[in-house]
């Protein structure tokens, strides 16, 4: 697989050899993803599921409200993308991130929180590929999650004294 980048340093074209012709083809679409949403709040689970289920690149969307359930659902469904709350029924999201990364080394894990943020180095040290503040507009959340599914690191940069977040 070859990845080429445009002048803005965003992934522009992913070239994959065609299995039949062995010629390089372009594929800019995100492959269908099995997504697991882990949050102790049913409203957050339902909202994210509703947002993502309508996207063509989401094959299926699963939810879990506890760390134990997250591990079990992840084991059964083998998600490619996991959206993980920073706190799940008293357990650290970073700790759960590390456990899920060990069990599913190919899954992309994006941390989420309604409060605060996670530094890039701390998130990556625990196996995350990104962080999403839950206060972002729906369209930004969808776009950010898709970028993570496509293989980008999506840790926001603080703007204007941490009042706004740019992704």
Foldseek 3Di string as FASTA:
>chain_A
DDFDADPVRATDWDWDQDPPPRDTDTDPDQAAWEEEEEALDPVVLVVVCVLPVPDPNHPYYHYDQALVVSVVCCVVPVTQEYEFECARPNDGSLVSLLVSCVVRVRHAYEYEYCDDFDDPVSCVVSPHLYYDHPVDDSVVVNVQRSSVSVPHRYYWDADDVNPDTDD
